Amino acid sequence: MGEDAGHGVRINWVAFSDEETGEELWRADWAGNADVFASEISVDIPTRVVSCPLLMRTINFSSSRQFNNFRMIQRVMVGDHLLESYGFNIGFVIPDSTNSWSSTFSAAGDMVPPAQLSGKMVIHSDFHEGDALIASQRTRCFFV
């Protein structure tokens, strides 16, 4: 169901790393998870990820089809409140390929403590081919 639900896209893993040291702080392997697009996923993330001054997020995904204008839009939500929104243009994706895509975020000076966000923060990741939505994924974050 995961391949069908993702319309040719499969998320293999997601990781957070310290951009300055290269140390991987957290990783979720979803390669065999057929429910990654079908339902909300819950993850436990170490609180030190939130305090990292420069955080690199890497998404590794496979595609069974070609995309010419592959994009991802992420919205970080707490309830109905939008905390952040990002749009990323990945571009051309070769069919039957595995790809990694990374982005770096800098910590905001005035951040909400992780304990207040834990279990309430949901990352909405929408994958598009051009303007057409092809798959959505929801991740509920618990900070431990």
N, C-alpha and C. Protein backbone atom coordinates (compact mmCIF):
# COMPACT_ATOMS: atom_id res chain seq x y z
N MET A 1 0.82 -1.21 0.00
CA MET A 1 0.00 0.00 0.00
C MET A 1 0.86 1.26 0.00
N GLY A 2 2.07 1.22 0.63
CA GLY A 2 2.91 2.41 0.71
C GLY A 2 3.28 2.96 -0.64
N GLU A 3 3.65 2.09 -1.59
CA GLU A 3 4.02 2.55 -2.93
C GLU A 3 2.81 3.16 -3.62
N ASP A 4 1.63 2.52 -3.51
CA ASP A 4 0.42 3.04 -4.15
C ASP A 4 -0.01 4.34 -3.49
N ALA A 5 0.01 4.38 -2.16
CA ALA A 5 -0.41 5.58 -1.44
C ALA A 5 0.50 6.76 -1.77
N GLY A 6 1.78 6.50 -2.06
CA GLY A 6 2.72 7.56 -2.41
C GLY A 6 2.78 7.85 -3.88
N HIS A 7 1.96 7.16 -4.68
CA HIS A 7 1.90 7.38 -6.13
C HIS A 7 3.28 7.37 -6.78
N GLY A 8 4.04 6.33 -6.45
CA GLY A 8 5.36 6.17 -7.06
C GLY A 8 6.49 6.66 -6.19
N VAL A 9 6.19 7.26 -5.04
CA VAL A 9 7.22 7.77 -4.14
C VAL A 9 7.21 6.94 -2.85
N ARG A 10 8.39 6.58 -2.38
CA ARG A 10 8.52 5.86 -1.11
C ARG A 10 9.58 6.59 -0.28
N ILE A 11 9.24 6.95 0.94
CA ILE A 11 10.22 7.55 1.85
C ILE A 11 10.97 6.40 2.53
N ASN A 12 12.28 6.36 2.37
CA ASN A 12 13.10 5.31 2.96
C ASN A 12 13.53 5.65 4.38
N TRP A 13 14.02 6.87 4.56
CA TRP A 13 14.43 7.31 5.89
C TRP A 13 14.49 8.83 5.95
N VAL A 14 14.45 9.33 7.18
CA VAL A 14 14.57 10.76 7.47
C VAL A 14 15.57 10.88 8.61
N ALA A 15 16.47 11.85 8.53
CA ALA A 15 17.47 12.03 9.59
C ALA A 15 17.68 13.51 9.88
N PHE A 16 18.03 13.79 11.14
CA PHE A 16 18.47 15.12 11.56
C PHE A 16 19.92 15.00 11.98
N SER A 17 20.74 15.93 11.51
CA SER A 17 22.16 15.95 11.86
C SER A 17 22.57 17.36 12.27
N ASP A 18 23.62 17.42 13.09
CA ASP A 18 24.23 18.70 13.44
C ASP A 18 25.04 19.14 12.23
N GLU A 19 24.65 20.24 11.62
CA GLU A 19 25.32 20.73 10.40
C GLU A 19 26.79 21.05 10.67
N GLU A 20 27.10 21.55 11.86
CA GLU A 20 28.47 21.97 12.15
C GLU A 20 29.41 20.79 12.36
N THR A 21 28.94 19.72 13.02
CA THR A 21 29.81 18.58 13.33
C THR A 21 29.58 17.38 12.42
N GLY A 22 28.43 17.33 11.76
CA GLY A 22 28.08 16.18 10.93
C GLY A 22 27.49 15.02 11.71
N GLU A 23 27.40 15.15 13.04
CA GLU A 23 26.86 14.07 13.87
C GLU A 23 25.38 13.86 13.59
N GLU A 24 25.00 12.62 13.32
CA GLU A 24 23.59 12.29 13.14
C GLU A 24 22.95 12.22 14.52
N LEU A 25 21.91 13.04 14.73
CA LEU A 25 21.25 13.14 16.03
C LEU A 25 20.01 12.25 16.13
N TRP A 26 19.40 11.96 15.02
CA TRP A 26 18.16 11.17 15.00
C TRP A 26 17.93 10.64 13.60
N ARG A 27 17.34 9.44 13.53
CA ARG A 27 17.03 8.85 12.22
C ARG A 27 15.82 7.93 12.37
N ALA A 28 14.94 8.01 11.40
CA ALA A 28 13.78 7.10 11.32
C ALA A 28 13.86 6.36 10.01
N ASP A 29 13.90 5.03 10.08
CA ASP A 29 13.93 4.19 8.88
C ASP A 29 12.51 3.75 8.57
N TRP A 30 12.02 4.14 7.40
CA TRP A 30 10.65 3.85 7.00
C TRP A 30 10.59 3.01 5.73
N ALA A 31 11.69 2.43 5.30
CA ALA A 31 11.75 1.73 4.02
C ALA A 31 10.68 0.64 3.90
N GLY A 32 10.43 -0.11 4.95
CA GLY A 32 9.45 -1.19 4.87
C GLY A 32 8.09 -0.82 5.42
N ASN A 33 7.87 0.47 5.72
CA ASN A 33 6.62 0.90 6.35
C ASN A 33 5.59 1.26 5.29
N ALA A 34 4.61 0.39 5.10
CA ALA A 34 3.57 0.62 4.10
C ALA A 34 2.59 1.70 4.53
N ASP A 35 2.62 2.09 5.81
CA ASP A 35 1.65 3.06 6.33
C ASP A 35 2.18 4.49 6.34
N VAL A 36 3.38 4.74 5.83
CA VAL A 36 3.98 6.06 5.94
C VAL A 36 3.11 7.15 5.29
N PHE A 37 2.39 6.83 4.23
CA PHE A 37 1.48 7.79 3.61
C PHE A 37 0.02 7.56 4.01
N ALA A 38 -0.26 6.36 4.54
CA ALA A 38 -1.65 6.00 4.81
C ALA A 38 -2.16 6.53 6.15
N SER A 39 -1.27 6.78 7.10
CA SER A 39 -1.71 7.25 8.41
C SER A 39 -0.63 8.14 9.02
N GLU A 40 -1.00 8.82 10.09
CA GLU A 40 -0.04 9.66 10.79
C GLU A 40 0.99 8.78 11.48
N ILE A 41 2.24 9.16 11.38
CA ILE A 41 3.35 8.44 12.01
C ILE A 41 3.74 9.21 13.26
N SER A 42 4.01 8.51 14.36
CA SER A 42 4.51 9.14 15.58
C SER A 42 5.99 8.80 15.73
N VAL A 43 6.79 9.80 16.09
CA VAL A 43 8.23 9.59 16.27
C VAL A 43 8.69 10.21 17.57
N ASP A 44 9.70 9.59 18.19
CA ASP A 44 10.36 10.13 19.37
C ASP A 44 11.67 10.76 18.92
N ILE A 45 11.80 12.06 19.18
CA ILE A 45 12.98 12.81 18.75
C ILE A 45 13.70 13.33 19.99
N PRO A 46 15.01 13.15 20.08
CA PRO A 46 15.75 13.67 21.24
C PRO A 46 15.63 15.20 21.32
N THR A 47 15.45 15.73 22.53
CA THR A 47 15.30 17.18 22.70
C THR A 47 16.52 17.95 22.21
N ARG A 48 17.69 17.33 22.18
CA ARG A 48 18.89 18.05 21.72
C ARG A 48 18.80 18.44 20.25
N VAL A 49 17.92 17.77 19.48
CA VAL A 49 17.72 18.15 18.08
C VAL A 49 17.18 19.58 18.01
N VAL A 50 16.26 19.91 18.91
CA VAL A 50 15.64 21.24 18.90
C VAL A 50 16.63 22.33 19.28
N SER A 51 17.61 22.02 20.10
CA SER A 51 18.56 23.04 20.54
C SER A 51 19.78 23.16 19.64
N CYS A 52 19.85 22.38 18.59
CA CYS A 52 20.99 22.42 17.67
C CYS A 52 20.95 23.73 16.88
N PRO A 53 22.03 24.54 16.90
CA PRO A 53 22.00 25.84 16.21
C PRO A 53 21.83 25.75 14.70
N LEU A 54 22.46 24.75 14.06
CA LEU A 54 22.30 24.51 12.62
C LEU A 54 21.95 23.05 12.42
N LEU A 55 20.72 22.80 12.02
CA LEU A 55 20.20 21.45 11.90
C LEU A 55 20.00 21.09 10.43
N MET A 56 20.57 19.97 10.01
CA MET A 56 20.38 19.50 8.65
C MET A 56 19.38 18.35 8.68
N ARG A 57 18.36 18.45 7.85
CA ARG A 57 17.38 17.38 7.70
C ARG A 57 17.61 16.74 6.34
N THR A 58 17.73 15.41 6.33
CA THR A 58 17.90 14.67 5.08
C THR A 58 16.75 13.70 4.93
N ILE A 59 16.16 13.71 3.74
CA ILE A 59 15.11 12.76 3.39
C ILE A 59 15.64 11.90 2.25
N ASN A 60 15.59 10.58 2.44
CA ASN A 60 15.99 9.65 1.40
C ASN A 60 14.73 9.00 0.87
N PHE A 61 14.53 9.10 -0.45
CA PHE A 61 13.30 8.57 -1.04
C PHE A 61 13.60 7.85 -2.34
N SER A 62 12.72 6.94 -2.68
CA SER A 62 12.80 6.23 -3.95
C SER A 62 11.59 6.58 -4.78
N SER A 63 11.77 6.54 -6.09
CA SER A 63 10.68 6.85 -7.01
C SER A 63 10.63 5.79 -8.09
N SER A 64 9.43 5.26 -8.33
CA SER A 64 9.27 4.30 -9.42
C SER A 64 8.91 5.00 -10.72
N ARG A 65 8.64 6.29 -10.66
CA ARG A 65 8.28 7.03 -11.88
C ARG A 65 9.13 8.28 -12.02
N GLN A 66 9.09 8.84 -13.17
CA GLN A 66 9.80 10.09 -13.46
C GLN A 66 8.94 11.26 -13.02
N PHE A 67 9.59 12.23 -12.40
CA PHE A 67 8.95 13.51 -12.07
C PHE A 67 9.78 14.61 -12.69
N ASN A 68 9.13 15.58 -13.28
CA ASN A 68 9.83 16.69 -13.92
C ASN A 68 9.93 17.92 -13.02
N ASN A 69 8.95 18.08 -12.13
CA ASN A 69 8.91 19.25 -11.26
C ASN A 69 8.48 18.80 -9.87
N PHE A 70 9.29 17.93 -9.26
CA PHE A 70 8.96 17.36 -7.95
C PHE A 70 9.19 18.41 -6.88
N ARG A 71 8.19 18.59 -6.04
CA ARG A 71 8.27 19.60 -4.98
C ARG A 71 7.75 19.02 -3.67
N MET A 72 8.20 19.61 -2.57
CA MET A 72 7.68 19.26 -1.26
C MET A 72 7.33 20.55 -0.52
N ILE A 73 6.17 20.56 0.10
CA ILE A 73 5.77 21.67 0.95
C ILE A 73 5.59 21.11 2.35
N GLN A 74 6.29 21.70 3.31
CA GLN A 74 6.16 21.26 4.70
C GLN A 74 5.56 22.38 5.53
N ARG A 75 4.61 21.97 6.37
CA ARG A 75 4.00 22.89 7.33
C ARG A 75 4.16 22.27 8.71
N VAL A 76 4.67 23.05 9.65
CA VAL A 76 4.81 22.61 11.03
C VAL A 76 3.64 23.22 11.80
N MET A 77 2.79 22.34 12.34
CA MET A 77 1.55 22.76 12.98
C MET A 77 1.53 22.35 14.45
N VAL A 78 0.94 23.21 15.29
CA VAL A 78 0.57 22.85 16.66
C VAL A 78 -0.92 23.12 16.73
N GLY A 79 -1.70 22.04 16.73
CA GLY A 79 -3.16 22.17 16.60
C GLY A 79 -3.48 22.81 15.26
N ASP A 80 -4.25 23.87 15.26
CA ASP A 80 -4.59 24.59 14.03
C ASP A 80 -3.64 25.75 13.76
N HIS A 81 -2.63 25.93 14.61
CA HIS A 81 -1.70 27.06 14.50
C HIS A 81 -0.48 26.68 13.65
N LEU A 82 -0.23 27.44 12.60
CA LEU A 82 0.93 27.23 11.73
C LEU A 82 2.15 27.87 12.37
N LEU A 83 3.17 27.06 12.68
CA LEU A 83 4.43 27.59 13.23
C LEU A 83 5.39 28.00 12.13
N GLU A 84 5.52 27.13 11.13
CA GLU A 84 6.46 27.37 10.03
C GLU A 84 5.93 26.72 8.77
N SER A 85 6.34 27.26 7.63
CA SER A 85 6.00 26.66 6.35
C SER A 85 7.19 26.81 5.41
N TYR A 86 7.51 25.74 4.71
CA TYR A 86 8.64 25.73 3.80
C TYR A 86 8.22 25.09 2.48
N GLY A 87 8.71 25.62 1.39
CA GLY A 87 8.52 25.02 0.08
C GLY A 87 9.87 24.68 -0.51
N PHE A 88 10.00 23.47 -1.03
CA PHE A 88 11.27 23.00 -1.57
C PHE A 88 11.06 22.47 -2.98
N ASN A 89 11.85 22.95 -3.93
CA ASN A 89 11.80 22.46 -5.30
C ASN A 89 12.94 21.46 -5.49
N ILE A 90 12.57 20.21 -5.70
CA ILE A 90 13.56 19.16 -5.90
C ILE A 90 13.86 19.04 -7.40
N GLY A 91 12.83 19.22 -8.24
CA GLY A 91 13.03 19.22 -9.69
C GLY A 91 12.88 17.86 -10.31
N PHE A 92 13.78 17.56 -11.23
CA PHE A 92 13.71 16.32 -12.00
C PHE A 92 14.11 15.12 -11.15
N VAL A 93 13.30 14.05 -11.21
CA VAL A 93 13.60 12.79 -10.52
C VAL A 93 13.57 11.67 -11.56
N ILE A 94 14.65 10.91 -11.62
CA ILE A 94 14.79 9.80 -12.57
C ILE A 94 13.90 8.65 -12.11
N PRO A 95 13.20 7.97 -13.03
CA PRO A 95 12.40 6.81 -12.62
C PRO A 95 13.28 5.68 -12.09
N ASP A 96 12.73 4.92 -11.16
CA ASP A 96 13.43 3.78 -10.55
C ASP A 96 14.76 4.21 -9.93
N SER A 97 14.72 5.34 -9.21
CA SER A 97 15.93 5.86 -8.58
C SER A 97 15.71 6.04 -7.08
N THR A 98 16.83 6.12 -6.37
CA THR A 98 16.82 6.46 -4.95
C THR A 98 17.61 7.75 -4.81
N ASN A 99 17.04 8.71 -4.07
CA ASN A 99 17.60 10.05 -3.98
C ASN A 99 17.64 10.51 -2.53
N SER A 100 18.59 11.36 -2.22
CA SER A 100 18.63 12.02 -0.92
C SER A 100 18.55 13.51 -1.16
N TRP A 101 17.82 14.17 -0.29
CA TRP A 101 17.66 15.60 -0.39
C TRP A 101 17.83 16.18 1.01
N SER A 102 18.68 17.20 1.15
CA SER A 102 18.98 17.78 2.45
C SER A 102 18.68 19.26 2.46
N SER A 103 18.31 19.74 3.64
CA SER A 103 18.13 21.18 3.84
C SER A 103 18.62 21.51 5.24
N THR A 104 19.08 22.74 5.41
CA THR A 104 19.63 23.19 6.69
C THR A 104 18.75 24.28 7.26
N PHE A 105 18.49 24.17 8.55
CA PHE A 105 17.67 25.14 9.28
C PHE A 105 18.49 25.70 10.42
N SER A 106 18.35 26.99 10.69
CA SER A 106 19.01 27.58 11.85
C SER A 106 17.96 27.80 12.93
N ALA A 107 18.38 27.60 14.16
CA ALA A 107 17.47 27.71 15.30
C ALA A 107 17.04 29.16 15.49
N ALA A 108 15.77 29.32 15.79
CA ALA A 108 15.24 30.65 16.11
C ALA A 108 15.70 31.01 17.52
N GLY A 109 15.88 32.28 17.77
CA GLY A 109 16.34 32.73 19.08
C GLY A 109 15.31 32.52 20.18
N ASP A 110 14.04 32.70 19.88
CA ASP A 110 12.98 32.59 20.88
C ASP A 110 12.13 31.37 20.55
N MET A 111 12.56 30.21 21.04
CA MET A 111 11.88 28.96 20.69
C MET A 111 10.98 28.49 21.82
N VAL A 112 9.91 27.81 21.45
CA VAL A 112 9.02 27.17 22.41
C VAL A 112 9.75 25.95 22.97
N PRO A 113 9.74 25.75 24.29
CA PRO A 113 10.42 24.58 24.86
C PRO A 113 9.85 23.27 24.31
N PRO A 114 10.72 22.28 24.05
CA PRO A 114 10.26 21.01 23.49
C PRO A 114 9.15 20.34 24.32
N ALA A 115 9.21 20.47 25.63
CA ALA A 115 8.18 19.84 26.48
C ALA A 115 6.78 20.38 26.17
N GLN A 116 6.69 21.64 25.79
CA GLN A 116 5.39 22.23 25.45
C GLN A 116 4.90 21.79 24.07
N LEU A 117 5.81 21.41 23.20
CA LEU A 117 5.45 20.98 21.85
C LEU A 117 5.23 19.48 21.74
N SER A 118 5.81 18.72 22.66
CA SER A 118 5.82 17.27 22.56
C SER A 118 4.41 16.69 22.44
N GLY A 119 4.20 15.93 21.36
CA GLY A 119 2.92 15.30 21.10
C GLY A 119 1.89 16.21 20.46
N LYS A 120 2.18 17.50 20.45
CA LYS A 120 1.24 18.48 19.87
C LYS A 120 1.69 18.95 18.49
N MET A 121 2.97 18.80 18.20
CA MET A 121 3.52 19.30 16.94
C MET A 121 3.42 18.21 15.87
N VAL A 122 2.85 18.59 14.73
CA VAL A 122 2.71 17.67 13.60
C VAL A 122 3.34 18.33 12.37
N ILE A 123 4.22 17.59 11.70
CA ILE A 123 4.83 18.06 10.46
C ILE A 123 4.03 17.48 9.31
N HIS A 124 3.46 18.37 8.50
CA HIS A 124 2.69 17.97 7.31
C HIS A 124 3.61 18.10 6.11
N SER A 125 3.88 17.00 5.42
CA SER A 125 4.74 17.01 4.23
C SER A 125 3.89 16.63 3.03
N ASP A 126 3.74 17.55 2.11
CA ASP A 126 2.96 17.31 0.89
C ASP A 126 3.90 17.27 -0.30
N PHE A 127 3.79 16.21 -1.09
CA PHE A 127 4.65 16.01 -2.25
C PHE A 127 3.84 16.30 -3.51
N HIS A 128 4.43 17.07 -4.41
CA HIS A 128 3.73 17.53 -5.60
C HIS A 128 4.55 17.23 -6.85
N GLU A 129 3.85 17.02 -7.95
CA GLU A 129 4.44 17.07 -9.29
C GLU A 129 3.85 18.32 -9.91
N GLY A 130 4.67 19.37 -10.00
CA GLY A 130 4.14 20.67 -10.40
C GLY A 130 3.14 21.15 -9.36
N ASP A 131 1.93 21.46 -9.80
CA ASP A 131 0.89 21.91 -8.87
C ASP A 131 0.03 20.76 -8.35
N ALA A 132 0.18 19.57 -8.89
CA ALA A 132 -0.66 18.43 -8.53
C ALA A 132 -0.12 17.73 -7.27
N LEU A 133 -0.96 17.61 -6.26
CA LEU A 133 -0.61 16.88 -5.05
C LEU A 133 -0.58 15.38 -5.37
N ILE A 134 0.54 14.71 -5.05
CA ILE A 134 0.63 13.28 -5.33
C ILE A 134 0.64 12.44 -4.06
N ALA A 135 1.08 13.01 -2.93
CA ALA A 135 1.11 12.24 -1.68
C ALA A 135 1.24 13.20 -0.50
N SER A 136 0.71 12.79 0.63
CA SER A 136 0.82 13.55 1.88
C SER A 136 1.30 12.63 2.98
N GLN A 137 2.09 13.18 3.87
CA GLN A 137 2.61 12.41 5.00
C GLN A 137 2.53 13.29 6.24
N ARG A 138 2.12 12.71 7.37
CA ARG A 138 2.00 13.44 8.64
C ARG A 138 2.87 12.76 9.69
N THR A 139 3.66 13.57 10.41
CA THR A 139 4.52 13.05 11.47
C THR A 139 4.26 13.81 12.76
N ARG A 140 3.80 13.11 13.78
CA ARG A 140 3.59 13.70 15.11
C ARG A 140 4.87 13.50 15.91
N CYS A 141 5.38 14.61 16.44
CA CYS A 141 6.68 14.60 17.12
C CYS A 141 6.53 14.60 18.64
N PHE A 142 7.22 13.65 19.25
CA PHE A 142 7.33 13.59 20.71
C PHE A 142 8.79 13.82 21.04
N PHE A 143 9.07 14.77 21.92
CA PHE A 143 10.46 15.09 22.28
C PHE A 143 10.81 14.38 23.57
N VAL A 144 11.88 13.58 23.50
CA VAL A 144 12.27 12.74 24.65
C VAL A 144 13.69 13.05 25.09
